[in-house]
Amino acid sequence: MGKAVIKFFIILEVIAMVSPVIAEETHSIRDQNIAAIHSSIASFSALADRNAYEYLVTLFDKSVTTDYSELFEGAKQTVSKETLMQQWAAFLPGFDRTFHRLERPVITIAADIATANVPFTASHWLDEDGFWQVSGTYTFTFKRYGRDWLITSVYLQKLDEEGSRSILAIAPMRAEGNLKRLKAELTVL
């Protein structure tokens, strides 16, 4: 067999392997519910990284269960979405920068409940040398209300961790001041 024929068969094999992924993605994009959940997941990370809690809160149901027990001591908790935003606003703005990179979610819908398993890497910087990063999988649970899919729970499964947790104690001390400064800068624009 010539090289051209071998290349042809390799190309056919690659197309055959990729076709189900392309078909799945095309189906996902065409489904409004899947698109709404994708949008919420993308907004979750972007709004948290921008400290935009007044918008982030709109992604959640009235009460939210969070479970970070694999990362931090303690059990899961169920709080109002406003309380959750207050907790995050008292912590995340204390870093100089955060970046929550979320990968492609695997979404399952059963009637008005959906789950999304999302591989993630969350990076946190503080001062010149302060860095802490955790990676793993978020499992989001959503409930449908009409056209909207609201987050009812977030479970974090930790896979890996890098850097120093020492910056986690410093960030809350800086959060309030940094958040005020950020909001003041936004009003000037």
N, C-alpha and C. Protein backbone atom coordinates (compact mmCIF):
# COMPACT_ATOMS: atom_id res chain seq x y z
N MET A 1 0.84 -1.18 0.00
CA MET A 1 0.00 0.00 0.00
C MET A 1 0.88 1.23 0.00
N GLY A 2 0.47 2.23 -0.75
CA GLY A 2 1.24 3.46 -0.82
C GLY A 2 0.99 4.36 0.38
N LYS A 3 1.87 5.31 0.53
CA LYS A 3 1.76 6.26 1.65
C LYS A 3 0.46 7.04 1.60
N ALA A 4 0.03 7.39 0.39
CA ALA A 4 -1.21 8.16 0.24
C ALA A 4 -2.41 7.36 0.73
N VAL A 5 -2.46 6.07 0.45
CA VAL A 5 -3.57 5.22 0.89
C VAL A 5 -3.55 5.09 2.42
N ILE A 6 -2.37 4.92 2.99
CA ILE A 6 -2.26 4.81 4.45
C ILE A 6 -2.73 6.10 5.12
N LYS A 7 -2.31 7.24 4.58
CA LYS A 7 -2.75 8.54 5.12
C LYS A 7 -4.26 8.65 5.05
N PHE A 8 -4.85 8.21 3.92
CA PHE A 8 -6.29 8.27 3.74
C PHE A 8 -7.01 7.49 4.84
N PHE A 9 -6.53 6.25 5.11
CA PHE A 9 -7.16 5.42 6.14
C PHE A 9 -6.97 6.01 7.54
N ILE A 10 -5.84 6.63 7.79
CA ILE A 10 -5.61 7.29 9.09
C ILE A 10 -6.58 8.44 9.26
N ILE A 11 -6.77 9.23 8.20
CA ILE A 11 -7.71 10.35 8.25
C ILE A 11 -9.12 9.83 8.50
N LEU A 12 -9.52 8.77 7.81
CA LEU A 12 -10.85 8.19 8.03
C LEU A 12 -11.02 7.72 9.48
N GLU A 13 -9.99 7.11 10.03
CA GLU A 13 -10.05 6.64 11.41
C GLU A 13 -10.20 7.81 12.39
N VAL A 14 -9.46 8.88 12.17
CA VAL A 14 -9.56 10.07 13.04
C VAL A 14 -10.96 10.66 12.94
N ILE A 15 -11.48 10.78 11.72
CA ILE A 15 -12.83 11.31 11.54
C ILE A 15 -13.85 10.44 12.26
N ALA A 16 -13.70 9.13 12.18
CA ALA A 16 -14.62 8.22 12.86
C ALA A 16 -14.57 8.39 14.37
N MET A 17 -13.37 8.64 14.91
CA MET A 17 -13.24 8.83 16.36
C MET A 17 -13.82 10.15 16.81
N VAL A 18 -13.68 11.20 15.99
CA VAL A 18 -14.11 12.54 16.36
C VAL A 18 -15.59 12.75 16.10
N SER A 19 -16.17 12.05 15.16
CA SER A 19 -17.57 12.27 14.78
C SER A 19 -18.54 12.22 15.95
N PRO A 20 -18.47 11.23 16.86
CA PRO A 20 -19.41 11.24 17.98
C PRO A 20 -19.27 12.49 18.85
N VAL A 21 -18.04 12.97 19.03
CA VAL A 21 -17.83 14.18 19.84
C VAL A 21 -18.45 15.37 19.15
N ILE A 22 -18.25 15.48 17.84
CA ILE A 22 -18.83 16.59 17.08
C ILE A 22 -20.35 16.51 17.14
N ALA A 23 -20.91 15.33 16.95
CA ALA A 23 -22.37 15.17 16.99
C ALA A 23 -22.91 15.53 18.37
N GLU A 24 -22.22 15.09 19.43
CA GLU A 24 -22.66 15.40 20.80
C GLU A 24 -22.63 16.91 21.04
N GLU A 25 -21.54 17.57 20.62
CA GLU A 25 -21.42 19.01 20.81
C GLU A 25 -22.48 19.76 20.01
N THR A 26 -22.74 19.33 18.75
CA THR A 26 -23.76 19.98 17.94
C THR A 26 -25.11 19.85 18.61
N HIS A 27 -25.41 18.65 19.13
CA HIS A 27 -26.68 18.46 19.83
C HIS A 27 -26.75 19.36 21.06
N SER A 28 -25.66 19.42 21.80
CA SER A 28 -25.63 20.24 23.01
C SER A 28 -25.89 21.70 22.70
N ILE A 29 -25.25 22.19 21.65
CA ILE A 29 -25.39 23.60 21.30
C ILE A 29 -26.82 23.91 20.89
N ARG A 30 -27.49 22.97 20.27
CA ARG A 30 -28.85 23.21 19.79
C ARG A 30 -29.90 23.12 20.89
N ASP A 31 -29.57 22.51 22.00
CA ASP A 31 -30.51 22.35 23.11
C ASP A 31 -30.45 23.58 24.00
N GLN A 32 -31.56 24.29 24.12
CA GLN A 32 -31.59 25.53 24.89
C GLN A 32 -31.28 25.30 26.37
N ASN A 33 -31.73 24.19 26.92
CA ASN A 33 -31.46 23.91 28.32
C ASN A 33 -29.97 23.70 28.56
N ILE A 34 -29.35 22.94 27.68
CA ILE A 34 -27.91 22.71 27.78
C ILE A 34 -27.17 24.04 27.64
N ALA A 35 -27.59 24.85 26.69
CA ALA A 35 -26.95 26.16 26.47
C ALA A 35 -27.10 27.05 27.71
N ALA A 36 -28.27 27.04 28.34
CA ALA A 36 -28.48 27.85 29.53
C ALA A 36 -27.57 27.41 30.67
N ILE A 37 -27.39 26.11 30.82
CA ILE A 37 -26.52 25.58 31.87
C ILE A 37 -25.06 25.91 31.57
N HIS A 38 -24.65 25.75 30.32
CA HIS A 38 -23.29 26.14 29.91
C HIS A 38 -23.05 27.61 30.24
N SER A 39 -24.03 28.46 29.94
CA SER A 39 -23.89 29.90 30.19
C SER A 39 -23.73 30.19 31.68
N SER A 40 -24.52 29.52 32.50
CA SER A 40 -24.41 29.72 33.95
C SER A 40 -23.04 29.28 34.48
N ILE A 41 -22.54 28.18 33.97
CA ILE A 41 -21.23 27.68 34.41
C ILE A 41 -20.13 28.66 34.02
N ALA A 42 -20.18 29.15 32.79
CA ALA A 42 -19.18 30.13 32.34
C ALA A 42 -19.28 31.42 33.15
N SER A 43 -20.49 31.84 33.43
CA SER A 43 -20.71 33.06 34.22
C SER A 43 -20.24 32.88 35.65
N PHE A 44 -20.43 31.69 36.20
CA PHE A 44 -20.01 31.39 37.57
C PHE A 44 -18.55 31.77 37.78
N SER A 45 -17.69 31.28 36.91
CA SER A 45 -16.26 31.55 37.10
C SER A 45 -15.90 32.99 36.74
N ALA A 46 -16.44 33.50 35.65
CA ALA A 46 -16.08 34.87 35.23
C ALA A 46 -16.53 35.90 36.26
N LEU A 47 -17.75 35.77 36.77
CA LEU A 47 -18.26 36.74 37.73
C LEU A 47 -17.54 36.64 39.08
N ALA A 48 -17.19 35.42 39.49
CA ALA A 48 -16.43 35.27 40.74
C ALA A 48 -15.06 35.91 40.60
N ASP A 49 -14.39 35.71 39.47
CA ASP A 49 -13.07 36.29 39.26
C ASP A 49 -13.11 37.81 39.15
N ARG A 50 -14.24 38.36 38.74
CA ARG A 50 -14.40 39.82 38.64
C ARG A 50 -15.02 40.42 39.90
N ASN A 51 -15.27 39.60 40.92
CA ASN A 51 -15.88 40.06 42.17
C ASN A 51 -17.21 40.77 41.93
N ALA A 52 -17.98 40.24 41.00
CA ALA A 52 -19.27 40.82 40.62
C ALA A 52 -20.40 40.05 41.31
N TYR A 53 -20.44 40.13 42.63
CA TYR A 53 -21.37 39.33 43.41
C TYR A 53 -22.83 39.72 43.21
N GLU A 54 -23.07 40.98 42.85
CA GLU A 54 -24.45 41.41 42.61
C GLU A 54 -25.02 40.74 41.36
N TYR A 55 -24.17 40.26 40.46
CA TYR A 55 -24.61 39.50 39.29
C TYR A 55 -24.50 37.99 39.53
N LEU A 56 -23.45 37.60 40.21
CA LEU A 56 -23.22 36.18 40.51
C LEU A 56 -24.40 35.59 41.28
N VAL A 57 -24.97 36.36 42.19
CA VAL A 57 -26.08 35.89 43.01
C VAL A 57 -27.28 35.44 42.17
N THR A 58 -27.43 36.01 40.98
CA THR A 58 -28.59 35.69 40.14
C THR A 58 -28.51 34.28 39.54
N LEU A 59 -27.35 33.64 39.65
CA LEU A 59 -27.19 32.28 39.11
C LEU A 59 -27.69 31.21 40.06
N PHE A 60 -28.01 31.60 41.32
CA PHE A 60 -28.30 30.63 42.37
C PHE A 60 -29.76 30.63 42.77
N ASP A 61 -30.19 29.47 43.26
CA ASP A 61 -31.52 29.31 43.85
C ASP A 61 -31.54 30.05 45.19
N LYS A 62 -32.69 30.15 45.82
CA LYS A 62 -32.81 30.88 47.09
C LYS A 62 -31.87 30.36 48.17
N SER A 63 -31.77 29.04 48.27
CA SER A 63 -30.79 28.45 49.19
C SER A 63 -29.86 27.54 48.38
N VAL A 64 -28.61 27.49 48.85
CA VAL A 64 -27.57 26.79 48.12
C VAL A 64 -26.79 25.90 49.08
N THR A 65 -26.53 24.68 48.66
CA THR A 65 -25.69 23.77 49.44
C THR A 65 -24.31 23.75 48.81
N THR A 66 -23.29 24.01 49.63
CA THR A 66 -21.91 23.91 49.16
C THR A 66 -21.20 22.84 49.98
N ASP A 67 -20.34 22.12 49.30
CA ASP A 67 -19.56 21.07 49.96
C ASP A 67 -18.12 21.17 49.49
N TYR A 68 -17.28 21.79 50.33
CA TYR A 68 -15.85 21.91 50.07
C TYR A 68 -15.07 21.07 51.08
N SER A 69 -15.71 20.04 51.63
CA SER A 69 -15.09 19.26 52.71
C SER A 69 -13.83 18.51 52.26
N GLU A 70 -13.68 18.23 50.97
CA GLU A 70 -12.45 17.58 50.50
C GLU A 70 -11.28 18.57 50.46
N LEU A 71 -11.60 19.85 50.50
CA LEU A 71 -10.56 20.88 50.43
C LEU A 71 -10.28 21.50 51.79
N PHE A 72 -11.34 21.82 52.51
CA PHE A 72 -11.23 22.45 53.82
C PHE A 72 -11.94 21.58 54.86
N GLU A 73 -11.55 21.72 56.09
CA GLU A 73 -12.25 20.99 57.15
C GLU A 73 -13.68 21.51 57.26
N GLY A 74 -14.53 20.68 57.75
CA GLY A 74 -15.92 21.08 57.92
C GLY A 74 -16.82 20.30 57.00
N ALA A 75 -18.09 20.47 57.25
CA ALA A 75 -19.09 19.73 56.48
C ALA A 75 -19.73 20.63 55.45
N LYS A 76 -20.59 20.04 54.65
CA LYS A 76 -21.32 20.85 53.69
C LYS A 76 -22.26 21.77 54.46
N GLN A 77 -22.63 22.86 53.81
CA GLN A 77 -23.53 23.82 54.44
C GLN A 77 -24.60 24.26 53.45
N THR A 78 -25.76 24.57 53.97
CA THR A 78 -26.83 25.12 53.16
C THR A 78 -27.14 26.50 53.71
N VAL A 79 -27.02 27.50 52.83
CA VAL A 79 -27.23 28.89 53.23
C VAL A 79 -28.04 29.59 52.15
N SER A 80 -28.52 30.79 52.46
CA SER A 80 -29.18 31.59 51.44
C SER A 80 -28.14 32.02 50.41
N LYS A 81 -28.61 32.31 49.22
CA LYS A 81 -27.66 32.75 48.19
C LYS A 81 -27.00 34.07 48.57
N GLU A 82 -27.71 34.92 49.30
CA GLU A 82 -27.12 36.18 49.76
C GLU A 82 -25.99 35.94 50.76
N THR A 83 -26.20 34.98 51.66
CA THR A 83 -25.15 34.64 52.63
C THR A 83 -23.93 34.06 51.92
N LEU A 84 -24.16 33.23 50.91
CA LEU A 84 -23.05 32.67 50.15
C LEU A 84 -22.24 33.78 49.48
N MET A 85 -22.92 34.76 48.90
CA MET A 85 -22.21 35.87 48.26
C MET A 85 -21.41 36.68 49.29
N GLN A 86 -21.99 36.87 50.49
CA GLN A 86 -21.27 37.58 51.55
C GLN A 86 -20.00 36.81 51.95
N GLN A 87 -20.11 35.49 52.03
CA GLN A 87 -18.94 34.68 52.37
C GLN A 87 -17.85 34.80 51.30
N TRP A 88 -18.24 34.70 50.05
CA TRP A 88 -17.26 34.80 48.97
C TRP A 88 -16.66 36.20 48.88
N ALA A 89 -17.51 37.24 49.10
CA ALA A 89 -17.03 38.62 49.05
C ALA A 89 -16.09 38.93 50.20
N ALA A 90 -16.16 38.16 51.26
CA ALA A 90 -15.25 38.35 52.40
C ALA A 90 -13.95 37.58 52.22
N PHE A 91 -13.79 36.91 51.09
CA PHE A 91 -12.61 36.09 50.87
C PHE A 91 -11.93 36.38 49.53
N LEU A 92 -12.64 36.18 48.42
CA LEU A 92 -12.02 36.25 47.09
C LEU A 92 -11.40 37.60 46.74
N PRO A 93 -12.02 38.74 47.09
CA PRO A 93 -11.40 40.02 46.74
C PRO A 93 -10.07 40.27 47.48
N GLY A 94 -9.78 39.48 48.48
CA GLY A 94 -8.52 39.64 49.22
C GLY A 94 -7.30 39.24 48.43
N PHE A 95 -7.49 38.50 47.36
CA PHE A 95 -6.38 38.13 46.49
C PHE A 95 -6.14 39.24 45.47
N ASP A 96 -4.93 39.32 44.97
CA ASP A 96 -4.64 40.28 43.91
C ASP A 96 -5.33 39.86 42.62
N ARG A 97 -5.44 38.57 42.42
CA ARG A 97 -6.14 38.04 41.24
C ARG A 97 -6.53 36.60 41.52
N THR A 98 -7.67 36.21 40.96
CA THR A 98 -8.07 34.81 40.93
C THR A 98 -8.42 34.46 39.50
N PHE A 99 -8.25 33.19 39.17
CA PHE A 99 -8.65 32.71 37.85
C PHE A 99 -9.17 31.30 38.00
N HIS A 100 -10.48 31.15 37.79
CA HIS A 100 -11.13 29.85 37.85
C HIS A 100 -11.35 29.38 36.41
N ARG A 101 -10.50 28.46 35.97
CA ARG A 101 -10.62 27.93 34.62
C ARG A 101 -11.48 26.67 34.68
N LEU A 102 -12.61 26.73 33.99
CA LEU A 102 -13.52 25.59 33.96
C LEU A 102 -13.45 24.95 32.58
N GLU A 103 -13.36 23.64 32.57
CA GLU A 103 -13.30 22.89 31.32
C GLU A 103 -14.72 22.56 30.85
N ARG A 104 -14.82 21.79 29.80
CA ARG A 104 -16.11 21.42 29.22
C ARG A 104 -16.92 20.58 30.21
N PRO A 105 -18.12 21.02 30.53
CA PRO A 105 -18.95 20.26 31.47
C PRO A 105 -19.61 19.05 30.83
N VAL A 106 -19.86 18.05 31.66
CA VAL A 106 -20.69 16.92 31.26
C VAL A 106 -22.03 17.13 31.96
N ILE A 107 -23.06 17.37 31.18
CA ILE A 107 -24.36 17.77 31.72
C ILE A 107 -25.37 16.65 31.53
N THR A 108 -26.12 16.39 32.61
CA THR A 108 -27.20 15.40 32.57
C THR A 108 -28.47 16.10 33.06
N ILE A 109 -29.54 15.94 32.30
CA ILE A 109 -30.83 16.55 32.67
C ILE A 109 -31.86 15.45 32.86
N ALA A 110 -32.58 15.52 33.97
CA ALA A 110 -33.70 14.62 34.24
C ALA A 110 -34.86 15.49 34.72
N ALA A 111 -35.80 15.72 33.82
CA ALA A 111 -36.95 16.59 34.10
C ALA A 111 -36.46 18.00 34.43
N ASP A 112 -36.73 18.48 35.66
CA ASP A 112 -36.36 19.85 36.04
C ASP A 112 -35.09 19.92 36.88
N ILE A 113 -34.33 18.84 36.93
CA ILE A 113 -33.08 18.80 37.68
C ILE A 113 -31.95 18.45 36.71
N ALA A 114 -30.83 19.14 36.87
CA ALA A 114 -29.66 18.86 36.03
C ALA A 114 -28.42 18.81 36.90
N THR A 115 -27.46 18.02 36.46
CA THR A 115 -26.14 18.02 37.10
C THR A 115 -25.11 18.31 36.02
N ALA A 116 -24.05 18.97 36.44
CA ALA A 116 -22.94 19.26 35.54
C ALA A 116 -21.64 18.97 36.27
N ASN A 117 -20.86 18.05 35.73
CA ASN A 117 -19.54 17.76 36.27
C ASN A 117 -18.54 18.54 35.43
N VAL A 118 -17.75 19.38 36.12
CA VAL A 118 -16.89 20.33 35.42
C VAL A 118 -15.47 20.26 35.98
N PRO A 119 -14.52 19.77 35.20
CA PRO A 119 -13.13 19.84 35.65
C PRO A 119 -12.72 21.32 35.77
N PHE A 120 -11.93 21.64 36.80
CA PHE A 120 -11.56 23.03 37.02
C PHE A 120 -10.13 23.13 37.56
N THR A 121 -9.57 24.32 37.42
CA THR A 121 -8.35 24.73 38.09
C THR A 121 -8.59 26.14 38.60
N ALA A 122 -8.44 26.34 39.91
CA ALA A 122 -8.64 27.65 40.53
C ALA A 122 -7.30 28.16 41.04
N SER A 123 -6.86 29.28 40.48
CA SER A 123 -5.57 29.87 40.84
C SER A 123 -5.80 31.17 41.60
N HIS A 124 -4.96 31.40 42.61
CA HIS A 124 -5.07 32.57 43.49
C HIS A 124 -3.69 33.17 43.68
N TRP A 125 -3.57 34.49 43.46
CA TRP A 125 -2.29 35.18 43.61
C TRP A 125 -2.40 36.24 44.69
N LEU A 126 -1.31 36.41 45.43
CA LEU A 126 -1.25 37.43 46.47
C LEU A 126 0.18 37.95 46.56
N ASP A 127 0.33 39.25 46.38
CA ASP A 127 1.64 39.89 46.38
C ASP A 127 2.54 39.27 45.32
N GLU A 128 3.83 39.44 45.49
CA GLU A 128 4.79 39.01 44.49
C GLU A 128 4.93 37.49 44.41
N ASP A 129 5.00 36.84 45.56
CA ASP A 129 5.31 35.41 45.58
C ASP A 129 4.17 34.51 46.04
N GLY A 130 3.08 35.09 46.49
CA GLY A 130 1.98 34.28 47.01
C GLY A 130 1.17 33.63 45.91
N PHE A 131 1.08 32.31 45.97
CA PHE A 131 0.32 31.58 44.95
C PHE A 131 -0.23 30.31 45.57
N TRP A 132 -1.50 30.04 45.26
CA TRP A 132 -2.14 28.79 45.68
C TRP A 132 -3.09 28.38 44.57
N GLN A 133 -3.07 27.09 44.24
CA GLN A 133 -3.92 26.58 43.16
C GLN A 133 -4.49 25.23 43.57
N VAL A 134 -5.75 25.04 43.25
CA VAL A 134 -6.41 23.76 43.48
C VAL A 134 -7.08 23.35 42.18
N SER A 135 -7.06 22.05 41.90
CA SER A 135 -7.76 21.54 40.72
C SER A 135 -8.58 20.32 41.13
N GLY A 136 -9.58 20.05 40.33
CA GLY A 136 -10.45 18.93 40.61
C GLY A 136 -11.68 18.99 39.73
N THR A 137 -12.81 18.64 40.32
CA THR A 137 -14.08 18.65 39.60
C THR A 137 -15.14 19.31 40.46
N TYR A 138 -15.84 20.25 39.87
CA TYR A 138 -17.05 20.79 40.49
C TYR A 138 -18.21 19.95 40.01
N THR A 139 -19.12 19.62 40.90
CA THR A 139 -20.40 19.05 40.50
C THR A 139 -21.47 20.06 40.90
N PHE A 140 -22.10 20.63 39.90
CA PHE A 140 -23.19 21.59 40.10
C PHE A 140 -24.51 20.84 39.96
N THR A 141 -25.47 21.19 40.80
CA THR A 141 -26.84 20.73 40.62
C THR A 141 -27.68 21.96 40.30
N PHE A 142 -28.53 21.83 39.32
CA PHE A 142 -29.40 22.92 38.87
C PHE A 142 -30.85 22.50 39.00
N LYS A 143 -31.71 23.49 39.22
CA LYS A 143 -33.16 23.27 39.18
C LYS A 143 -33.76 24.26 38.18
N ARG A 144 -34.67 23.76 37.37
CA ARG A 144 -35.29 24.62 36.36
C ARG A 144 -36.49 25.36 36.93
N TYR A 145 -36.52 26.65 36.65
CA TYR A 145 -37.65 27.52 36.95
C TYR A 145 -38.02 28.21 35.64
N GLY A 146 -39.01 27.69 34.95
CA GLY A 146 -39.36 28.25 33.64
C GLY A 146 -38.21 28.08 32.67
N ARG A 147 -37.68 29.19 32.16
CA ARG A 147 -36.54 29.16 31.23
C ARG A 147 -35.19 29.11 31.95
N ASP A 148 -35.19 29.42 33.24
CA ASP A 148 -33.94 29.56 33.98
C ASP A 148 -33.55 28.27 34.70
N TRP A 149 -32.26 28.01 34.74
CA TRP A 149 -31.67 26.91 35.49
C TRP A 149 -30.82 27.54 36.58
N LEU A 150 -31.23 27.37 37.84
CA LEU A 150 -30.51 27.97 38.96
C LEU A 150 -29.71 26.92 39.71
N ILE A 151 -28.54 27.32 40.17
CA ILE A 151 -27.65 26.42 40.90
C ILE A 151 -28.21 26.20 42.30
N THR A 152 -28.40 24.93 42.67
CA THR A 152 -28.88 24.59 44.01
C THR A 152 -27.77 24.02 44.88
N SER A 153 -26.71 23.49 44.24
CA SER A 153 -25.60 22.98 45.04
C SER A 153 -24.31 22.98 44.23
N VAL A 154 -23.19 23.09 44.98
CA VAL A 154 -21.85 23.02 44.40
C VAL A 154 -21.03 22.09 45.29
N TYR A 155 -20.51 21.04 44.68
CA TYR A 155 -19.64 20.10 45.39
C TYR A 155 -18.27 20.15 44.72
N LEU A 156 -17.23 20.31 45.52
CA LEU A 156 -15.87 20.38 45.00
C LEU A 156 -15.14 19.09 45.35
N GLN A 157 -14.67 18.39 44.33
CA GLN A 157 -13.84 17.20 44.52
C GLN A 157 -12.41 17.61 44.20
N LYS A 158 -11.54 17.57 45.19
CA LYS A 158 -10.14 17.99 45.02
C LYS A 158 -9.33 16.85 44.42
N LEU A 159 -8.54 17.20 43.39
CA LEU A 159 -7.62 16.24 42.81
C LEU A 159 -6.17 16.59 43.09
N ASP A 160 -5.86 17.89 43.04
CA ASP A 160 -4.48 18.31 43.20
C ASP A 160 -4.44 19.71 43.81
N GLU A 161 -3.30 20.03 44.40
CA GLU A 161 -3.12 21.32 45.04
C GLU A 161 -1.65 21.71 44.91
N GLU A 162 -1.39 22.99 44.62
CA GLU A 162 -0.03 23.51 44.50
C GLU A 162 0.06 24.84 45.24
N GLY A 163 1.27 25.22 45.57
CA GLY A 163 1.50 26.51 46.21
C GLY A 163 1.32 26.43 47.71
N SER A 164 1.10 27.60 48.31
CA SER A 164 1.03 27.69 49.76
C SER A 164 -0.35 28.13 50.23
N ARG A 165 -0.91 27.37 51.15
CA ARG A 165 -2.19 27.74 51.75
C ARG A 165 -2.05 28.94 52.69
N SER A 166 -0.84 29.37 52.98
CA SER A 166 -0.66 30.49 53.91
C SER A 166 -1.36 31.75 53.40
N ILE A 167 -1.50 31.91 52.10
CA ILE A 167 -2.17 33.11 51.59
C ILE A 167 -3.67 33.10 51.87
N LEU A 168 -4.22 31.93 52.19
CA LEU A 168 -5.66 31.84 52.48
C LEU A 168 -6.01 32.56 53.78
N ALA A 169 -5.06 32.68 54.69
CA ALA A 169 -5.30 33.40 55.95
C ALA A 169 -5.18 34.90 55.77
N ILE A 170 -4.41 35.34 54.79
CA ILE A 170 -4.19 36.77 54.56
C ILE A 170 -5.34 37.38 53.76
N ALA A 171 -5.85 36.67 52.79
CA ALA A 171 -6.87 37.20 51.88
C ALA A 171 -8.08 37.80 52.60
N PRO A 172 -8.67 37.15 53.61
CA PRO A 172 -9.84 37.74 54.26
C PRO A 172 -9.54 39.10 54.92
N MET A 173 -8.31 39.30 55.36
CA MET A 173 -7.95 40.57 55.99
C MET A 173 -7.92 41.70 54.97
N ARG A 174 -7.74 41.39 53.71
CA ARG A 174 -7.66 42.39 52.65
C ARG A 174 -8.96 42.52 51.84
N ALA A 175 -9.84 41.58 51.99
CA ALA A 175 -11.01 41.50 51.10
C ALA A 175 -11.88 42.74 51.12
N GLU A 176 -12.28 43.21 52.28
CA GLU A 176 -13.21 44.34 52.37
C GLU A 176 -12.61 45.59 51.73
N GLY A 177 -11.38 45.90 52.06
CA GLY A 177 -10.73 47.08 51.48
C GLY A 177 -10.57 46.98 49.98
N ASN A 178 -10.15 45.81 49.51
CA ASN A 178 -9.98 45.61 48.06
C ASN A 178 -11.31 45.72 47.32
N LEU A 179 -12.37 45.17 47.91
CA LEU A 179 -13.69 45.22 47.26
C LEU A 179 -14.17 46.67 47.17
N LYS A 180 -13.99 47.45 48.22
CA LYS A 180 -14.37 48.87 48.19
C LYS A 180 -13.59 49.62 47.11
N ARG A 181 -12.29 49.35 47.03
CA ARG A 181 -11.45 50.00 46.03
C ARG A 181 -11.90 49.62 44.62
N LEU A 182 -12.19 48.35 44.39
CA LEU A 182 -12.64 47.89 43.08
C LEU A 182 -13.96 48.56 42.68
N LYS A 183 -14.89 48.65 43.62
CA LYS A 183 -16.19 49.27 43.33
C LYS A 183 -16.01 50.75 43.05
N ALA A 184 -15.12 51.43 43.78
CA ALA A 184 -14.86 52.83 43.54
C ALA A 184 -14.26 53.04 42.15
N GLU A 185 -13.36 52.17 41.75
CA GLU A 185 -12.77 52.27 40.41
C GLU A 185 -13.82 52.08 39.33
N LEU A 186 -14.78 51.21 39.55
CA LEU A 186 -15.84 50.98 38.56
C LEU A 186 -16.74 52.19 38.40
N THR A 187 -17.03 52.89 39.50
CA THR A 187 -17.92 54.04 39.42
C THR A 187 -17.24 55.22 38.71
N VAL A 188 -15.91 55.27 38.71
CA VAL A 188 -15.19 56.33 38.02
C VAL A 188 -15.28 56.14 36.51
N LEU A 189 -15.28 54.88 36.09
CA LEU A 189 -15.35 54.59 34.66
C LEU A 189 -16.70 55.02 34.15
